[in-house]
């Protein structure tokens, strides 16, 4: 068996920005190109193109049916060995579209399972790693040291690691609003390089 066959991984890229003209959109595609160059199997999902209600209307105890696009997304999450989430930071955290997708898909019985004998649930998504490419207008140093990385910790600790996904590597890209074309090209080159190096395990 060739080395490339041994190292090949199944990678799911989720673009959480709704605009197809966004930097996140370009970053997701550059990561995809890099991963494909390295011989990985890649699926790219643009959340802005999916048809689903982002509101979990009855909580985890409800009977809200999953739309076909979310059913397909759950299948891709189970298929993947490495998850890549690309999204902007708005108001200190992820966009509502991305949070809505998580609310609707990372459900009990799929991402975790409550246990009667423990306050901590069974983690159902173990065996997967994750990588976050997060854009922001706030300087990353300020977001970390002054704000405390609130959105990063929510995604890493209380969502991904909560369901068993680890390690989780985070890349903060910013400030975007004042970035030169040259800086943006550096970020796109980084996304391509990260795709070639994936996964993080």
Protein backbone atom coordinates (compact mmCIF):
# COMPACT_ATOMS: atom_id res chain seq x y z
CA UNK A 1 0.00 0.00 0.00
CA UNK A 2 1.32 3.45 -0.90
CA UNK A 3 2.12 5.99 1.83
CA UNK A 4 -0.40 8.38 0.30
CA UNK A 5 -3.10 5.77 0.76
CA UNK A 6 -2.18 5.28 4.42
CA UNK A 7 -2.18 9.02 5.19
CA UNK A 8 -5.34 9.91 3.26
CA UNK A 9 -8.12 11.24 5.48
CA UNK A 10 -11.78 12.13 5.05
CA UNK A 11 -12.17 15.88 5.59
CA UNK A 12 -15.39 17.86 5.93
CA UNK A 13 -15.11 21.63 5.48
CA UNK A 14 -18.03 23.72 6.73
CA UNK A 15 -18.15 27.35 5.62
CA UNK A 16 -20.26 29.24 8.15
CA UNK A 17 -20.39 32.55 6.26
CA UNK A 18 -23.54 33.05 4.20
CA UNK A 19 -21.98 35.27 1.49
CA UNK A 20 -20.18 33.62 -1.41
CA UNK A 21 -18.07 36.78 -1.85
CA UNK A 22 -16.62 36.56 1.66
CA UNK A 23 -13.04 35.89 2.71
CA UNK A 24 -14.34 32.81 4.55
CA UNK A 25 -15.72 31.44 1.29
CA UNK A 26 -12.33 31.87 -0.37
CA UNK A 27 -10.49 30.39 2.62
CA UNK A 28 -12.71 27.30 2.60
CA UNK A 29 -12.02 26.68 -1.08
CA UNK A 30 -8.28 27.20 -0.68
CA UNK A 31 -8.23 24.70 2.19
CA UNK A 32 -10.17 22.27 0.00
CA UNK A 33 -7.65 22.69 -2.82
CA UNK A 34 -4.72 22.08 -0.50
CA UNK A 35 -6.31 18.99 1.02
CA UNK A 36 -7.13 17.55 -2.40
CA UNK A 37 -3.56 18.18 -3.52
CA UNK A 38 -2.37 16.07 -0.58
CA UNK A 39 -4.67 13.21 -1.61
CA UNK A 40 -7.37 13.62 1.04
CA UNK A 41 -11.07 12.97 0.39
CA UNK A 42 -12.85 16.29 0.86
CA UNK A 43 -16.43 17.46 1.16
CA UNK A 44 -17.19 21.19 1.31
CA UNK A 45 -20.49 22.49 2.67
CA UNK A 46 -21.55 26.13 2.37
CA UNK A 47 -24.19 26.69 5.03
CA UNK A 48 -25.67 29.63 3.13
CA UNK A 49 -26.80 27.23 0.41
CA UNK A 50 -28.59 24.80 2.72
CA UNK A 51 -32.34 24.92 3.31
CA UNK A 52 -33.10 24.56 7.02
CA UNK A 53 -34.66 26.32 9.97
CA UNK A 54 -31.78 27.45 12.21
CA UNK A 55 -34.03 27.71 15.28
CA UNK A 56 -34.25 24.73 17.65
CA UNK A 57 -37.87 25.42 18.43
CA UNK A 58 -38.63 22.89 21.18
CA UNK A 59 -35.21 22.32 22.70
CA UNK A 60 -33.58 18.91 22.91
CA UNK A 61 -36.82 17.35 24.15
CA UNK A 62 -38.76 18.31 21.02
CA UNK A 63 -39.64 16.39 17.90
CA UNK A 64 -38.47 18.86 15.26
CA UNK A 65 -37.74 16.90 12.09
CA UNK A 66 -34.42 17.36 10.33
CA UNK A 67 -34.58 18.82 6.84
CA UNK A 68 -32.92 16.76 4.07
CA UNK A 69 -29.91 19.12 3.98
CA UNK A 70 -29.30 18.63 7.71
CA UNK A 71 -29.71 14.87 7.39
CA UNK A 72 -27.05 14.93 4.67
CA UNK A 73 -24.82 17.10 6.85
CA UNK A 74 -25.07 14.66 9.76
CA UNK A 75 -24.08 11.87 7.37
CA UNK A 76 -21.04 13.89 6.30
CA UNK A 77 -20.05 14.59 9.91
CA UNK A 78 -20.12 10.86 10.67
CA UNK A 79 -18.18 10.19 7.45
CA UNK A 80 -15.45 12.70 8.30
CA UNK A 81 -12.29 12.05 10.29
CA UNK A 82 -11.33 15.73 10.36
CA UNK A 83 -13.71 18.71 10.57
CA UNK A 84 -12.75 22.18 9.36
CA UNK A 85 -14.98 25.10 10.31
CA UNK A 86 -14.42 28.43 8.57
CA UNK A 87 -16.43 31.37 9.87
CA UNK A 88 -16.31 35.03 10.91
CA UNK A 89 -16.48 36.41 14.43
CA UNK A 90 -19.52 38.67 14.84
CA UNK A 91 -20.30 40.23 18.22
CA UNK A 92 -17.58 38.10 19.80
CA UNK A 93 -18.83 34.74 18.56
CA UNK A 94 -19.95 32.67 15.59
CA UNK A 95 -22.70 33.80 13.16
CA UNK A 96 -26.29 32.83 13.93
CA UNK A 97 -26.39 30.59 10.84
CA UNK A 98 -23.53 28.45 12.14
CA UNK A 99 -24.89 28.36 15.68
CA UNK A 100 -28.29 27.35 14.29
CA UNK A 101 -26.73 24.49 12.35
CA UNK A 102 -25.03 23.25 15.51
CA UNK A 103 -28.24 23.56 17.54
CA UNK A 104 -30.13 21.55 14.95
CA UNK A 105 -27.57 18.83 14.16
CA UNK A 106 -25.43 18.25 17.27
CA UNK A 107 -28.32 16.55 19.00
CA UNK A 108 -28.62 13.98 21.80
CA UNK A 109 -28.22 10.56 20.24
CA UNK A 110 -26.04 11.96 17.47
CA UNK A 111 -23.31 14.11 19.06
CA UNK A 112 -23.71 13.08 22.69
CA UNK A 113 -25.87 10.91 24.95
CA UNK A 114 -27.12 11.74 28.41
CA UNK A 115 -26.31 9.21 31.18
CA UNK A 116 -28.43 8.67 34.28
CA UNK A 117 -25.42 7.85 36.44
CA UNK A 118 -23.25 10.83 35.51
CA UNK A 119 -23.61 14.60 34.97
CA UNK A 120 -21.28 14.22 31.99
CA UNK A 121 -22.67 12.79 28.75
CA UNK A 122 -21.25 10.07 26.58
CA UNK A 123 -19.28 11.64 23.72
CA UNK A 124 -20.47 10.20 20.43
CA UNK A 125 -18.15 12.01 18.01
CA UNK A 126 -14.86 10.70 19.34
CA UNK A 127 -12.14 9.79 16.87
CA UNK A 128 -12.37 13.07 14.96
CA UNK A 129 -10.12 16.12 15.03
CA UNK A 130 -11.05 19.68 14.13
CA UNK A 131 -9.52 22.87 12.82
CA UNK A 132 -11.01 26.37 12.99
CA UNK A 133 -10.21 29.21 10.60
CA UNK A 134 -11.82 32.22 12.22
CA UNK A 135 -11.80 35.70 10.71
CA UNK A 136 -12.35 38.85 12.75
CA UNK A 137 -12.09 42.62 12.55
CA UNK A 138 -10.72 42.74 16.09
CA UNK A 139 -6.94 42.30 16.30
CA UNK A 140 -6.41 38.67 17.41
CA UNK A 141 -4.18 39.73 20.33
CA UNK A 142 -6.96 42.00 21.62
CA UNK A 143 -9.58 39.29 21.17
CA UNK A 144 -7.42 36.92 23.21
CA UNK A 145 -6.04 39.08 26.00
CA UNK A 146 -8.84 41.63 26.49
CA UNK A 147 -11.97 39.67 25.53
CA UNK A 148 -10.66 36.25 26.55
CA UNK A 149 -11.31 34.39 23.26
CA UNK A 150 -15.03 33.87 24.06
CA UNK A 151 -16.07 32.50 20.68
CA UNK A 152 -13.04 30.23 20.43
CA UNK A 153 -13.67 28.65 23.81
CA UNK A 154 -17.37 28.15 23.06
CA UNK A 155 -16.61 26.27 19.86
CA UNK A 156 -13.59 24.36 21.16
CA UNK A 157 -14.55 23.46 24.72
CA UNK A 158 -18.32 23.51 25.00
CA UNK A 159 -19.21 22.17 21.55
CA UNK A 160 -16.47 20.18 19.82
CA UNK A 161 -14.61 18.76 22.83
CA UNK A 162 -17.93 18.29 24.66
CA UNK A 163 -18.91 15.82 21.93
CA UNK A 164 -15.50 14.10 21.89
CA UNK A 165 -13.82 15.91 18.99
CA UNK A 166 -10.16 16.58 19.74
CA UNK A 167 -7.62 17.93 19.22
CA UNK A 168 -9.05 21.25 18.08
CA UNK A 169 -6.63 23.71 16.50
CA UNK A 170 -7.61 27.38 16.08
CA UNK A 171 -6.29 29.96 13.61
CA UNK A 172 -7.35 33.59 14.23
CA UNK A 173 -7.17 35.75 11.10
CA UNK A 174 -7.53 39.48 11.51
CA UNK A 175 -8.12 42.29 11.55
CA UNK A 176 -9.85 41.72 8.21
CA UNK A 177 -11.43 45.15 7.65
CA UNK A 178 -8.09 46.95 7.39
CA UNK A 179 -6.13 44.10 5.79
CA UNK A 180 -4.23 44.78 2.58
CA UNK A 181 -4.60 42.60 -0.49
CA UNK A 182 -1.18 41.18 0.31
CA UNK A 183 -2.30 40.17 3.79
CA UNK A 184 -5.41 38.50 2.45
CA UNK A 185 -3.27 36.55 0.01
CA UNK A 186 -1.11 35.41 2.94
CA UNK A 187 -4.20 34.10 4.72
CA UNK A 188 -5.35 32.27 1.58
CA UNK A 189 -1.90 30.74 1.22
CA UNK A 190 -2.08 29.66 4.87
CA UNK A 191 -5.44 27.96 4.26
CA UNK A 192 -3.97 26.09 1.29
CA UNK A 193 -0.94 25.02 3.34
CA UNK A 194 -3.11 23.88 6.25
CA UNK A 195 -5.18 21.80 3.85
CA UNK A 196 -2.06 20.08 2.56
CA UNK A 197 -0.92 19.38 6.14
CA UNK A 198 -4.28 18.15 7.45
CA UNK A 199 -5.35 16.53 9.66
CA UNK A 200 -3.90 17.80 12.92
CA UNK A 201 -3.57 14.36 14.54
